[in-house]
Amino acid sequence: MSNKVKNHALRAGTITAGTALMLLMSSPAFALTRDDGDDPGPGLSVVETLGLYVALPIVLFLVIAGLVMAGDKSRKAEKS
């Protein structure tokens, strides 16, 4: 094996090991123990979850894109 291939293999192994270690450290194994003052609220329904994490970002994107397009069209109208 050439030196370049060995370096790439070593780099890939290091990144894989580091990623696996980070995933293990952030696992929810300790999430079962409640902390002092921990007061979780009621869960979200499926509709609320989809609205919050799917529909709301799409609507915000469309509003921002619309504002950018409106500003661009007004600038083009002044140049003509």
PDB file of N, CA and C in Angstrom:
ATOM      1  N   MET A   1       0.840  -1.177   0.000  1.00  0.00           N
ATOM      2  CA  MET A   1       0.000   0.000   0.000  1.00  0.00           C
ATOM      3  C   MET A   1       0.888   1.244   0.000  1.00  0.00           C
ATOM      4  N   SER A   2       0.454   2.229  -0.731  1.00  0.00           N
ATOM      5  CA  SER A   2       1.250   3.448  -0.790  1.00  0.00           C
ATOM      6  C   SER A   2       1.031   4.277   0.480  1.00  0.00           C
ATOM      7  N   ASN A   3       1.909   5.204   0.686  1.00  0.00           N
ATOM      8  CA  ASN A   3       1.845   6.059   1.863  1.00  0.00           C
ATOM      9  C   ASN A   3       0.581   6.910   1.858  1.00  0.00           C
ATOM     10  N   LYS A   4       0.160   7.347   0.669  1.00  0.00           N
ATOM     11  CA  LYS A   4      -1.036   8.187   0.547  1.00  0.00           C
ATOM     12  C   LYS A   4      -2.289   7.408   0.960  1.00  0.00           C
ATOM     13  N   VAL A   5      -2.369   6.141   0.541  1.00  0.00           N
ATOM     14  CA  VAL A   5      -3.520   5.311   0.893  1.00  0.00           C
ATOM     15  C   VAL A   5      -3.537   5.044   2.397  1.00  0.00           C
ATOM     16  N   LYS A   6      -2.360   4.810   2.982  1.00  0.00           N
ATOM     17  CA  LYS A   6      -2.280   4.585   4.428  1.00  0.00           C
ATOM     18  C   LYS A   6      -2.745   5.815   5.199  1.00  0.00           C
ATOM     19  N   ASN A   7      -2.349   6.990   4.722  1.00  0.00           N
ATOM     20  CA  ASN A   7      -2.766   8.225   5.395  1.00  0.00           C
ATOM     21  C   ASN A   7      -4.278   8.420   5.307  1.00  0.00           C
ATOM     22  N   HIS A   8      -4.850   8.118   4.144  1.00  0.00           N
ATOM     23  CA  HIS A   8      -6.304   8.252   3.993  1.00  0.00           C
ATOM     24  C   HIS A   8      -7.032   7.251   4.886  1.00  0.00           C
ATOM     25  N   ALA A   9      -6.525   6.022   4.966  1.00  0.00           N
ATOM     26  CA  ALA A   9      -7.141   5.007   5.814  1.00  0.00           C
ATOM     27  C   ALA A   9      -7.038   5.400   7.281  1.00  0.00           C
ATOM     28  N   LEU A  10      -5.895   5.916   7.696  1.00  0.00           N
ATOM     29  CA  LEU A  10      -5.720   6.358   9.071  1.00  0.00           C
ATOM     30  C   LEU A  10      -6.654   7.519   9.399  1.00  0.00           C
ATOM     31  N   ARG A  11      -6.777   8.459   8.473  1.00  0.00           N
ATOM     32  CA  ARG A  11      -7.666   9.601   8.688  1.00  0.00           C
ATOM     33  C   ARG A  11      -9.128   9.154   8.780  1.00  0.00           C
ATOM     34  N   ALA A  12      -9.539   8.239   7.889  1.00  0.00           N
ATOM     35  CA  ALA A  12     -10.910   7.743   7.918  1.00  0.00           C
ATOM     36  C   ALA A  12     -11.195   6.986   9.209  1.00  0.00           C
ATOM     37  N   GLY A  13     -10.240   6.185   9.661  1.00  0.00           N
ATOM     38  CA  GLY A  13     -10.416   5.459  10.917  1.00  0.00           C
ATOM     39  C   GLY A  13     -10.508   6.384  12.113  1.00  0.00           C
ATOM     40  N   THR A  14      -9.698   7.429  12.118  1.00  0.00           N
ATOM     41  CA  THR A  14      -9.728   8.397  13.212  1.00  0.00           C
ATOM     42  C   THR A  14     -11.060   9.131  13.260  1.00  0.00           C
ATOM     43  N   ILE A  15     -11.547   9.544  12.109  1.00  0.00           N
ATOM     44  CA  ILE A  15     -12.829  10.247  12.064  1.00  0.00           C
ATOM     45  C   ILE A  15     -13.958   9.324  12.483  1.00  0.00           C
ATOM     46  N   THR A  16     -13.926   8.067  12.042  1.00  0.00           N
ATOM     47  CA  THR A  16     -14.962   7.112  12.422  1.00  0.00           C
ATOM     48  C   THR A  16     -14.950   6.860  13.923  1.00  0.00           C
ATOM     49  N   ALA A  17     -13.763   6.669  14.484  1.00  0.00           N
ATOM     50  CA  ALA A  17     -13.654   6.427  15.923  1.00  0.00           C
ATOM     51  C   ALA A  17     -14.110   7.646  16.717  1.00  0.00           C
ATOM     52  N   GLY A  18     -13.720   8.823  16.266  1.00  0.00           N
ATOM     53  CA  GLY A  18     -14.154  10.040  16.963  1.00  0.00           C
ATOM     54  C   GLY A  18     -15.652  10.242  16.908  1.00  0.00           C
ATOM     55  N   THR A  19     -16.238   9.969  15.756  1.00  0.00           N
ATOM     56  CA  THR A  19     -17.689  10.099  15.621  1.00  0.00           C
ATOM     57  C   THR A  19     -18.407   9.094  16.509  1.00  0.00           C
ATOM     58  N   ALA A  20     -17.925   7.856  16.528  1.00  0.00           N
ATOM     59  CA  ALA A  20     -18.536   6.835  17.370  1.00  0.00           C
ATOM     60  C   ALA A  20     -18.425   7.210  18.843  1.00  0.00           C
ATOM     61  N   LEU A  21     -17.288   7.741  19.250  1.00  0.00           N
ATOM     62  CA  LEU A  21     -17.105   8.155  20.633  1.00  0.00           C
ATOM     63  C   LEU A  21     -18.059   9.283  21.002  1.00  0.00           C
ATOM     64  N   MET A  22     -18.220  10.265  20.115  1.00  0.00           N
ATOM     65  CA  MET A  22     -19.149  11.361  20.388  1.00  0.00           C
ATOM     66  C   MET A  22     -20.590  10.857  20.480  1.00  0.00           C
ATOM     67  N   LEU A  23     -20.959   9.926  19.619  1.00  0.00           N
ATOM     68  CA  LEU A  23     -22.312   9.380  19.678  1.00  0.00           C
ATOM     69  C   LEU A  23     -22.546   8.611  20.971  1.00  0.00           C
ATOM     70  N   LEU A  24     -21.552   7.864  21.424  1.00  0.00           N
ATOM     71  CA  LEU A  24     -21.692   7.133  22.676  1.00  0.00           C
ATOM     72  C   LEU A  24     -21.780   8.076  23.871  1.00  0.00           C
ATOM     73  N   MET A  25     -21.012   9.149  23.835  1.00  0.00           N
ATOM     74  CA  MET A  25     -21.033  10.095  24.950  1.00  0.00           C
ATOM     75  C   MET A  25     -22.343  10.869  25.014  1.00  0.00           C
ATOM     76  N   SER A  26     -22.989  11.066  23.879  1.00  0.00           N
ATOM     77  CA  SER A  26     -24.218  11.844  23.875  1.00  0.00           C
ATOM     78  C   SER A  26     -25.462  10.958  23.848  1.00  0.00           C
ATOM     79  N   SER A  27     -25.308   9.686  24.141  1.00  0.00           N
ATOM     80  CA  SER A  27     -26.458   8.782  24.108  1.00  0.00           C
ATOM     81  C   SER A  27     -27.429   9.141  25.228  1.00  0.00           C
ATOM     82  N   PRO A  28     -28.687   8.824  25.053  1.00  0.00           N
ATOM     83  CA  PRO A  28     -29.691   9.198  26.050  1.00  0.00           C
ATOM     84  C   PRO A  28     -29.755   8.237  27.232  1.00  0.00           C
ATOM     85  N   ALA A  29     -28.670   7.548  27.568  1.00  0.00           N
ATOM     86  CA  ALA A  29     -28.688   6.582  28.657  1.00  0.00           C
ATOM     87  C   ALA A  29     -28.979   7.246  29.997  1.00  0.00           C
ATOM     88  N   PHE A  30     -28.548   8.466  30.171  1.00  0.00           N
ATOM     89  CA  PHE A  30     -28.744   9.148  31.438  1.00  0.00           C
ATOM     90  C   PHE A  30     -29.988  10.029  31.431  1.00  0.00           C
ATOM     91  N   ALA A  31     -30.774   9.962  30.393  1.00  0.00           N
ATOM     92  CA  ALA A  31     -31.956  10.811  30.286  1.00  0.00           C
ATOM     93  C   ALA A  31     -33.099  10.313  31.160  1.00  0.00           C
ATOM     94  N   LEU A  32     -32.997   9.120  31.691  1.00  0.00           N
ATOM     95  CA  LEU A  32     -34.067   8.581  32.528  1.00  0.00           C
ATOM     96  C   LEU A  32     -34.087   9.217  33.909  1.00  0.00           C
ATOM     97  N   THR A  33     -32.961   9.749  34.341  1.00  0.00           N
ATOM     98  CA  THR A  33     -32.872  10.370  35.652  1.00  0.00           C
ATOM     99  C   THR A  33     -33.278  11.834  35.535  1.00  0.00           C
ATOM    100  N   ARG A  34     -34.264  12.223  36.299  1.00  0.00           N
ATOM    101  CA  ARG A  34     -34.730  13.615  36.280  1.00  0.00           C
ATOM    102  C   ARG A  34     -33.788  14.488  37.100  1.00  0.00           C
ATOM    103  N   ASP A  35     -33.527  15.684  36.607  1.00  0.00           N
ATOM    104  CA  ASP A  35     -32.739  16.655  37.346  1.00  0.00           C
ATOM    105  C   ASP A  35     -33.644  17.437  38.280  1.00  0.00           C
ATOM    106  N   ASP A  36     -33.038  18.079  39.286  1.00  0.00           N
ATOM    107  CA  ASP A  36     -33.813  18.924  40.190  1.00  0.00           C
ATOM    108  C   ASP A  36     -34.406  20.082  39.407  1.00  0.00           C
ATOM    109  N   GLY A  37     -35.672  20.349  39.595  1.00  0.00           N
ATOM    110  CA  GLY A  37     -36.343  21.433  38.910  1.00  0.00           C
ATOM    111  C   GLY A  37     -36.801  21.077  37.517  1.00  0.00           C
ATOM    112  N   ASP A  38     -36.604  19.845  37.117  1.00  0.00           N
ATOM    113  CA  ASP A  38     -37.020  19.400  35.788  1.00  0.00           C
ATOM    114  C   ASP A  38     -38.529  19.223  35.775  1.00  0.00           C
ATOM    115  N   ASP A  39     -39.200  19.966  34.933  1.00  0.00           N
ATOM    116  CA  ASP A  39     -40.661  19.897  34.860  1.00  0.00           C
ATOM    117  C   ASP A  39     -41.072  19.864  33.396  1.00  0.00           C
ATOM    118  N   PRO A  40     -41.016  18.678  32.767  1.00  0.00           N
ATOM    119  CA  PRO A  40     -41.374  18.618  31.345  1.00  0.00           C
ATOM    120  C   PRO A  40     -42.859  18.868  31.140  1.00  0.00           C
ATOM    121  N   GLY A  41     -43.159  19.577  30.095  1.00  0.00           N
ATOM    122  CA  GLY A  41     -44.549  19.866  29.770  1.00  0.00           C
ATOM    123  C   GLY A  41     -45.184  18.722  29.008  1.00  0.00           C
ATOM    124  N   PRO A  42     -46.424  18.913  28.595  1.00  0.00           N
ATOM    125  CA  PRO A  42     -47.079  17.858  27.822  1.00  0.00           C
ATOM    126  C   PRO A  42     -46.432  17.724  26.444  1.00  0.00           C
ATOM    127  N   GLY A  43     -46.490  16.526  25.888  1.00  0.00           N
ATOM    128  CA  GLY A  43     -45.889  16.279  24.585  1.00  0.00           C
ATOM    129  C   GLY A  43     -46.689  16.927  23.469  1.00  0.00           C
ATOM    130  N   LEU A  44     -46.083  17.009  22.297  1.00  0.00           N
ATOM    131  CA  LEU A  44     -46.746  17.561  21.129  1.00  0.00           C
ATOM    132  C   LEU A  44     -47.474  16.455  20.374  1.00  0.00           C
ATOM    133  N   SER A  45     -48.597  16.798  19.779  1.00  0.00           N
ATOM    134  CA  SER A  45     -49.290  15.839  18.923  1.00  0.00           C
ATOM    135  C   SER A  45     -48.569  15.765  17.580  1.00  0.00           C
ATOM    136  N   VAL A  46     -48.970  14.828  16.750  1.00  0.00           N
ATOM    137  CA  VAL A  46     -48.347  14.675  15.438  1.00  0.00           C
ATOM    138  C   VAL A  46     -48.574  15.924  14.596  1.00  0.00           C
ATOM    139  N   VAL A  47     -49.775  16.467  14.649  1.00  0.00           N
ATOM    140  CA  VAL A  47     -50.094  17.667  13.865  1.00  0.00           C
ATOM    141  C   VAL A  47     -49.268  18.855  14.345  1.00  0.00           C
ATOM    142  N   GLU A  48     -49.147  19.017  15.656  1.00  0.00           N
ATOM    143  CA  GLU A  48     -48.351  20.125  16.189  1.00  0.00           C
ATOM    144  C   GLU A  48     -46.873  19.967  15.806  1.00  0.00           C
ATOM    145  N   THR A  49     -46.373  18.748  15.866  1.00  0.00           N
ATOM    146  CA  THR A  49     -44.980  18.502  15.508  1.00  0.00           C
ATOM    147  C   THR A  49     -44.728  18.810  14.039  1.00  0.00           C
ATOM    148  N   LEU A  50     -45.602  18.328  13.156  1.00  0.00           N
ATOM    149  CA  LEU A  50     -45.445  18.605  11.726  1.00  0.00           C
ATOM    150  C   LEU A  50     -45.574  20.098  11.433  1.00  0.00           C
ATOM    151  N   GLY A  51     -46.494  20.756  12.107  1.00  0.00           N
ATOM    152  CA  GLY A  51     -46.651  22.193  11.904  1.00  0.00           C
ATOM    153  C   GLY A  51     -45.422  22.971  12.345  1.00  0.00           C
ATOM    154  N   LEU A  52     -44.861  22.572  13.485  1.00  0.00           N
ATOM    155  CA  LEU A  52     -43.722  23.297  14.046  1.00  0.00           C
ATOM    156  C   LEU A  52     -42.429  23.040  13.291  1.00  0.00           C
ATOM    157  N   TYR A  53     -42.200  21.794  12.884  1.00  0.00           N
ATOM    158  CA  TYR A  53     -40.911  21.437  12.303  1.00  0.00           C
ATOM    159  C   TYR A  53     -40.932  21.267  10.790  1.00  0.00           C
ATOM    160  N   VAL A  54     -42.101  21.294  10.171  1.00  0.00           N
ATOM    161  CA  VAL A  54     -42.176  21.154   8.717  1.00  0.00           C
ATOM    162  C   VAL A  54     -42.846  22.384   8.098  1.00  0.00           C
ATOM    163  N   ALA A  55     -44.077  22.643   8.491  1.00  0.00           N
ATOM    164  CA  ALA A  55     -44.849  23.723   7.858  1.00  0.00           C
ATOM    165  C   ALA A  55     -44.273  25.109   8.174  1.00  0.00           C
ATOM    166  N   LEU A  56     -43.945  25.358   9.421  1.00  0.00           N
ATOM    167  CA  LEU A  56     -43.440  26.681   9.804  1.00  0.00           C
ATOM    168  C   LEU A  56     -42.139  27.050   9.074  1.00  0.00           C
ATOM    169  N   PRO A  57     -41.141  26.165   8.982  1.00  0.00           N
ATOM    170  CA  PRO A  57     -39.945  26.526   8.201  1.00  0.00           C
ATOM    171  C   PRO A  57     -40.241  26.766   6.727  1.00  0.00           C
ATOM    172  N   ILE A  58     -41.152  25.992   6.142  1.00  0.00           N
ATOM    173  CA  ILE A  58     -41.506  26.206   4.737  1.00  0.00           C
ATOM    174  C   ILE A  58     -42.163  27.561   4.551  1.00  0.00           C
ATOM    175  N   VAL A  59     -43.082  27.914   5.451  1.00  0.00           N
ATOM    176  CA  VAL A  59     -43.754  29.212   5.365  1.00  0.00           C
ATOM    177  C   VAL A  59     -42.751  30.345   5.541  1.00  0.00           C
ATOM    178  N   LEU A  60     -41.847  30.212   6.507  1.00  0.00           N
ATOM    179  CA  LEU A  60     -40.840  31.253   6.703  1.00  0.00           C
ATOM    180  C   LEU A  60     -39.939  31.394   5.474  1.00  0.00           C
ATOM    181  N   PHE A  61     -39.557  30.272   4.878  1.00  0.00           N
ATOM    182  CA  PHE A  61     -38.746  30.323   3.661  1.00  0.00           C
ATOM    183  C   PHE A  61     -39.490  31.053   2.554  1.00  0.00           C
ATOM    184  N   LEU A  62     -40.765  30.724   2.372  1.00  0.00           N
ATOM    185  CA  LEU A  62     -41.545  31.360   1.310  1.00  0.00           C
ATOM    186  C   LEU A  62     -41.716  32.860   1.554  1.00  0.00           C
ATOM    187  N   VAL A  63     -41.922  33.257   2.805  1.00  0.00           N
ATOM    188  CA  VAL A  63     -42.059  34.687   3.117  1.00  0.00           C
ATOM    189  C   VAL A  63     -40.754  35.419   2.826  1.00  0.00           C
ATOM    190  N   ILE A  64     -39.634  34.856   3.281  1.00  0.00           N
ATOM    191  CA  ILE A  64     -38.342  35.505   3.046  1.00  0.00           C
ATOM    192  C   ILE A  64     -38.028  35.562   1.547  1.00  0.00           C
ATOM    193  N   ALA A  65     -38.290  34.461   0.824  1.00  0.00           N
ATOM    194  CA  ALA A  65     -38.053  34.446  -0.620  1.00  0.00           C
ATOM    195  C   ALA A  65     -38.946  35.464  -1.323  1.00  0.00           C
ATOM    196  N   GLY A  66     -40.194  35.584  -0.888  1.00  0.00           N
ATOM    197  CA  GLY A  66     -41.106  36.567  -1.476  1.00  0.00           C
ATOM    198  C   GLY A  66     -40.635  37.990  -1.245  1.00  0.00           C
ATOM    199  N   LEU A  67     -40.141  38.267  -0.034  1.00  0.00           N
ATOM    200  CA  LEU A  67     -39.635  39.612   0.254  1.00  0.00           C
ATOM    201  C   LEU A  67     -38.394  39.921  -0.583  1.00  0.00           C
ATOM    202  N   VAL A  68     -37.528  38.953  -0.752  1.00  0.00           N
ATOM    203  CA  VAL A  68     -36.332  39.162  -1.575  1.00  0.00           C
ATOM    204  C   VAL A  68     -36.724  39.404  -3.027  1.00  0.00           C
ATOM    205  N   MET A  69     -37.663  38.609  -3.535  1.00  0.00           N
ATOM    206  CA  MET A  69     -38.100  38.781  -4.925  1.00  0.00           C
ATOM    207  C   MET A  69     -38.796  40.125  -5.124  1.00  0.00           C
ATOM    208  N   ALA A  70     -39.595  40.535  -4.134  1.00  0.00           N
ATOM    209  CA  ALA A  70     -40.280  41.827  -4.250  1.00  0.00           C
ATOM    210  C   ALA A  70     -39.267  42.969  -4.256  1.00  0.00           C
ATOM    211  N   GLY A  71     -38.253  42.880  -3.411  1.00  0.00           N
ATOM    212  CA  GLY A  71     -37.212  43.910  -3.401  1.00  0.00           C
ATOM    213  C   GLY A  71     -36.429  43.931  -4.690  1.00  0.00           C
ATOM    214  N   ASP A  72     -36.175  42.789  -5.254  1.00  0.00           N
ATOM    215  CA  ASP A  72     -35.427  42.702  -6.508  1.00  0.00           C
ATOM    216  C   ASP A  72     -36.243  43.279  -7.664  1.00  0.00           C
ATOM    217  N   LYS A  73     -37.538  43.004  -7.695  1.00  0.00           N
ATOM    218  CA  LYS A  73     -38.394  43.520  -8.790  1.00  0.00           C
ATOM    219  C   LYS A  73     -38.522  45.029  -8.711  1.00  0.00           C
ATOM    220  N   SER A  74     -38.603  45.581  -7.503  1.00  0.00           N
ATOM    221  CA  SER A  74     -38.718  47.035  -7.378  1.00  0.00           C
ATOM    222  C   SER A  74     -37.426  47.716  -7.832  1.00  0.00           C
ATOM    223  N   ARG A  75     -36.299  47.089  -7.595  1.00  0.00           N
ATOM    224  CA  ARG A  75     -35.016  47.663  -8.013  1.00  0.00           C
ATOM    225  C   ARG A  75     -34.888  47.585  -9.538  1.00  0.00           C
ATOM    226  N   LYS A  76     -35.377  46.509 -10.145  1.00  0.00           N
ATOM    227  CA  LYS A  76     -35.330  46.392 -11.602  1.00  0.00           C
ATOM    228  C   LYS A  76     -36.259  47.404 -12.249  1.00  0.00           C
ATOM    229  N   ALA A  77     -37.403  47.703 -11.621  1.00  0.00           N
ATOM    230  CA  ALA A  77     -38.357  48.663 -12.193  1.00  0.00           C
ATOM    231  C   ALA A  77     -37.749  50.072 -12.197  1.00  0.00           C
ATOM    232  N   GLU A  78     -36.932  50.408 -11.201  1.00  0.00           N
ATOM    233  CA  GLU A  78     -36.321  51.740 -11.151  1.00  0.00           C
ATOM    234  C   GLU A  78     -35.272  51.898 -12.255  1.00  0.00           C
ATOM    235  N   LYS A  79     -34.562  50.846 -12.612  1.00  0.00           N
ATOM    236  CA  LYS A  79     -33.507  50.920 -13.617  1.00  0.00           C
ATOM    237  C   LYS A  79     -34.067  51.040 -15.020  1.00  0.00           C
ATOM    238  N   SER A  80     -35.240  50.494 -15.253  1.00  0.00           N
ATOM    239  CA  SER A  80     -35.813  50.496 -16.610  1.00  0.00           C
ATOM    240  C   SER A  80     -36.283  51.843 -17.051  1.00  0.00           C
TER     241      SER A  80
END
